[in-house]
Amino acid sequence: MHTTLEWLSAMNSTKQIALKRVHTLFNLAKEVIHEDPEQAQRYIKIARSIAMRTRLRLPKEYRSLICKHCKRFILPGVNCRIRIQQRREPHMVITCLNCGRHSRIPLRGEKKQ
């Protein structure tokens, strides 16, 4: 799996700068969400607009921190609930406490060969 730093070497300079700004804004949002959730949401909105303007796909670790429905910044334990369920196939259910929507992420074990 590629890390963010490995991506930087393969990108042009505009996308490198954009990815660094997005990374900085997400870190700022994580720091400030406890004191000022609206400021954290503003940072996320700016980060998304930078990514869209430069046609940069957000890394997976950042995409998982944004609600797919209301586009709000969600941080486990602060404004979202995470549960592990074993029905049919094991999966993780993330409930956004802003809009109440659920998103399910399958949990795959190691494949046997």
Foldseek 3Di string as FASTA:
>chain_A
DDDPVVVLVVDDPLVNVLLVLLVVLQVVLVVCCVPDQVVSQVSQVVNVVSCVVVVHDHDPVQVVQADPPPRGGHDDPRFWDWDWDPPPFIWIWIAGNVPRDIDIGGDDDDDDD
